[in-house]
Amino acid sequence: MDDREIVRLLTAGKPEGLDRLRERHGPMLGYIVRGMLADPREQEECLSDIELLVWRKIGSYDPEKGSLPVWLTALARNRARNRLRDGARRGETEELSPEWADPAPGPEELLLRKERTQAIRKAVDRLGSVDRSLFYRKYYYLQSTARMAAELGLTERGVEGRLRRLRLKLRRALGGEWNG
């Protein structure tokens, strides 16, 4: 079953669509979530959250903007990051002061972030495939050095060295702006 059929089933509200989604994209989603969350219970809950999000938000999926796996990858990554952030908040005992400034960025900051993001994306696109893969694994999927080393057949020290050289290369390409 292809992705268009899965989307059609989900859009029609048929539970079979979730079954097909799990069969076709479950391993990819699990790979992303397991790389970001250590606790197996958190991983399972996150995967369930992702399925619920897909069920609720399938109407917002636009194939013109990207393929289903790309959309699912973004959902999985963002959901796992939210779980990480929520876990960190639960561990904090410090109370927020009502006098603190609003953390939401203003329009100027949003424009600067967008420009920086575009510059980083262009610089990353110019990297070789191995370096690009390392970049995404480390800074997008938040994978550990140990996991990358094991999956790529390298030593942890080797991965750390490549990441250091990658950061230097990106810093030069971006004129010293990037602090990854």
Protein backbone atom coordinates (compact mmCIF):
# COMPACT_ATOMS: atom_id res chain seq x y z
CA MET A 1 0.00 0.00 0.00
CA ASP A 2 1.44 3.38 -0.96
CA ASP A 3 1.37 6.63 1.00
CA ARG A 4 -1.47 8.13 -1.04
CA GLU A 5 -3.72 5.22 -0.08
CA ILE A 6 -2.72 5.57 3.59
CA VAL A 7 -3.56 9.29 3.49
CA ARG A 8 -6.88 8.53 1.77
CA LEU A 9 -7.82 6.00 4.49
CA LEU A 10 -6.81 8.35 7.30
CA THR A 11 -8.64 11.29 5.75
CA ALA A 12 -11.75 9.11 5.48
CA GLY A 13 -11.42 8.34 9.21
CA LYS A 14 -10.77 4.62 8.68
CA PRO A 15 -8.72 2.98 11.46
CA GLU A 16 -7.16 0.71 8.84
CA GLY A 17 -5.18 3.78 7.78
CA LEU A 18 -3.37 3.82 11.13
CA ASP A 19 -2.62 0.10 10.79
CA ARG A 20 -1.10 0.67 7.34
CA LEU A 21 0.79 3.71 8.60
CA ARG A 22 2.23 1.64 11.46
CA GLU A 23 3.29 -1.12 9.06
CA ARG A 24 4.90 1.19 6.53
CA HIS A 25 6.36 4.00 8.68
CA GLY A 26 6.38 2.60 12.22
CA PRO A 27 10.03 1.50 12.09
CA MET A 28 11.14 4.95 10.93
CA LEU A 29 9.10 6.68 13.65
CA GLY A 30 10.45 4.29 16.28
CA TYR A 31 14.00 4.95 15.11
CA ILE A 32 13.54 8.70 15.54
CA VAL A 33 11.83 8.48 18.93
CA ARG A 34 14.23 5.89 20.38
CA GLY A 35 17.15 8.11 19.40
CA MET A 36 15.76 11.01 21.39
CA LEU A 37 14.04 9.39 24.39
CA ALA A 38 15.83 6.91 26.63
CA ASP A 39 12.91 5.58 28.69
CA PRO A 40 11.02 2.79 26.85
CA ARG A 41 7.72 3.90 28.42
CA GLU A 42 8.29 7.45 27.18
CA GLN A 43 9.09 6.04 23.74
CA GLU A 44 5.84 4.07 23.59
CA GLU A 45 3.79 7.00 24.84
CA CYS A 46 5.45 9.28 22.32
CA LEU A 47 4.69 6.88 19.46
CA SER A 48 1.07 6.74 20.62
CA ASP A 49 0.99 10.54 20.75
CA ILE A 50 2.32 10.67 17.20
CA GLU A 51 -0.41 8.31 15.97
CA LEU A 52 -3.03 10.46 17.67
CA LEU A 53 -1.53 13.59 16.10
CA VAL A 54 -1.58 11.96 12.67
CA TRP A 55 -5.20 10.92 13.18
CA ARG A 56 -6.21 14.44 14.22
CA LYS A 57 -4.02 16.45 11.84
CA ILE A 58 -4.06 14.41 8.64
CA GLY A 59 -6.18 17.16 7.11
CA SER A 60 -3.25 19.58 7.49
CA TYR A 61 -0.90 17.29 5.53
CA ASP A 62 -0.11 18.88 2.16
CA PRO A 63 1.67 16.62 -0.35
CA GLU A 64 2.73 19.75 -2.26
CA LYS A 65 4.93 20.78 0.68
CA GLY A 66 6.59 17.39 1.15
CA SER A 67 6.16 13.66 1.21
CA LEU A 68 4.33 11.78 3.95
CA PRO A 69 7.60 10.47 5.49
CA VAL A 70 8.93 14.04 5.72
CA TRP A 71 5.73 15.20 7.44
CA LEU A 72 5.81 12.22 9.81
CA THR A 73 9.50 12.81 10.59
CA ALA A 74 8.76 16.40 11.59
CA LEU A 75 5.81 15.30 13.76
CA ALA A 76 7.91 12.61 15.46
CA ARG A 77 10.88 14.86 16.07
CA ASN A 78 8.76 17.69 17.44
CA ARG A 79 6.71 15.39 19.68
CA ALA A 80 9.85 13.75 21.08
CA ARG A 81 11.43 17.17 21.68
CA ASN A 82 8.28 18.32 23.47
CA ARG A 83 8.43 15.24 25.70
CA LEU A 84 12.08 15.97 26.49
CA ARG A 85 11.22 19.57 27.33
CA ASP A 86 8.22 18.52 29.44
CA GLY A 87 10.38 16.06 31.35
CA ALA A 88 12.95 18.77 32.07
CA ARG A 89 10.19 21.07 33.31
CA ARG A 90 8.83 18.41 35.65
CA GLY A 91 12.30 18.07 37.16
CA GLU A 92 12.56 21.78 37.90
CA THR A 93 11.42 23.16 41.21
CA GLU A 94 12.11 26.81 40.43
CA GLU A 95 9.00 28.94 40.02
CA LEU A 96 8.63 31.40 37.18
CA SER A 97 8.43 35.03 38.13
CA PRO A 98 5.55 37.00 36.61
CA GLU A 99 8.01 39.86 36.10
CA TRP A 100 10.09 37.94 33.56
CA ALA A 101 9.84 39.14 30.00
CA ASP A 102 7.66 37.36 27.47
CA PRO A 103 9.85 34.67 25.90
CA ALA A 104 8.04 34.95 22.54
CA PRO A 105 10.29 36.52 19.91
CA GLY A 106 9.33 39.79 18.25
CA PRO A 107 8.96 40.27 14.48
CA GLU A 108 12.60 41.33 14.04
CA GLU A 109 13.85 38.24 15.86
CA LEU A 110 11.55 36.01 13.79
CA LEU A 111 12.94 37.49 10.57
CA LEU A 112 16.53 37.04 11.76
CA ARG A 113 15.84 33.43 12.75
CA LYS A 114 14.30 32.74 9.35
CA GLU A 115 17.33 34.19 7.57
CA ARG A 116 19.75 32.21 9.77
CA THR A 117 17.76 29.03 9.17
CA GLN A 118 17.90 29.55 5.40
CA ALA A 119 21.64 30.22 5.53
CA ILE A 120 22.25 27.07 7.60
CA ARG A 121 20.06 24.99 5.28
CA LYS A 122 22.02 26.20 2.22
CA ALA A 123 25.35 25.50 3.93
CA VAL A 124 24.22 22.01 5.00
CA ASP A 125 22.95 21.28 1.48
CA ARG A 126 26.46 21.98 0.15
CA LEU A 127 28.00 19.37 2.48
CA GLY A 128 28.86 15.87 1.34
CA SER A 129 26.33 13.13 2.05
CA VAL A 130 28.23 11.72 5.07
CA ASP A 131 28.66 15.14 6.69
CA ARG A 132 25.03 16.04 5.96
CA SER A 133 23.92 12.77 7.56
CA LEU A 134 26.05 13.47 10.66
CA PHE A 135 24.62 16.98 10.91
CA TYR A 136 21.03 15.80 10.81
CA ARG A 137 21.66 12.90 13.20
CA LYS A 138 23.31 15.15 15.78
CA TYR A 139 21.43 18.44 15.51
CA TYR A 140 18.04 17.47 14.11
CA TYR A 141 17.42 14.00 15.55
CA LEU A 142 19.57 14.65 18.66
CA GLN A 143 21.25 11.25 18.42
CA SER A 144 24.04 10.40 20.81
CA THR A 145 27.61 10.09 19.63
CA ALA A 146 27.64 6.46 20.79
CA ARG A 147 24.61 5.60 18.68
CA MET A 148 26.01 7.32 15.59
CA ALA A 149 29.35 5.56 16.04
CA ALA A 150 27.72 2.14 16.38
CA GLU A 151 25.47 2.62 13.35
CA LEU A 152 28.19 4.09 11.14
CA GLY A 153 30.91 1.62 12.16
CA LEU A 154 33.12 4.36 13.62
CA THR A 155 34.55 5.01 17.05
CA GLU A 156 32.95 7.62 19.28
CA ARG A 157 36.15 9.63 19.09
CA GLY A 158 36.03 9.41 15.29
CA VAL A 159 32.44 10.71 15.25
CA GLU A 160 33.35 13.53 17.65
CA GLY A 161 36.27 14.52 15.43
CA ARG A 162 34.10 14.54 12.31
CA LEU A 163 31.47 16.61 14.11
CA ARG A 164 34.12 19.11 15.26
CA ARG A 165 35.44 19.45 11.70
CA LEU A 166 31.85 19.74 10.45
CA ARG A 167 31.14 22.58 12.91
CA LEU A 168 34.30 24.39 11.80
CA LYS A 169 33.34 23.97 8.15
CA LEU A 170 29.84 25.31 8.79
CA ARG A 171 31.17 28.18 10.89
CA ARG A 172 33.47 29.21 8.02
CA ALA A 173 30.64 28.84 5.48
CA LEU A 174 28.35 30.99 7.63
CA GLY A 175 30.95 33.62 8.45
CA GLY A 176 31.31 32.63 12.11
CA GLU A 177 27.57 32.96 12.86
CA TRP A 178 26.85 29.33 13.69
CA ASN A 179 27.48 28.04 17.23
CA GLY A 180 26.25 24.42 16.93
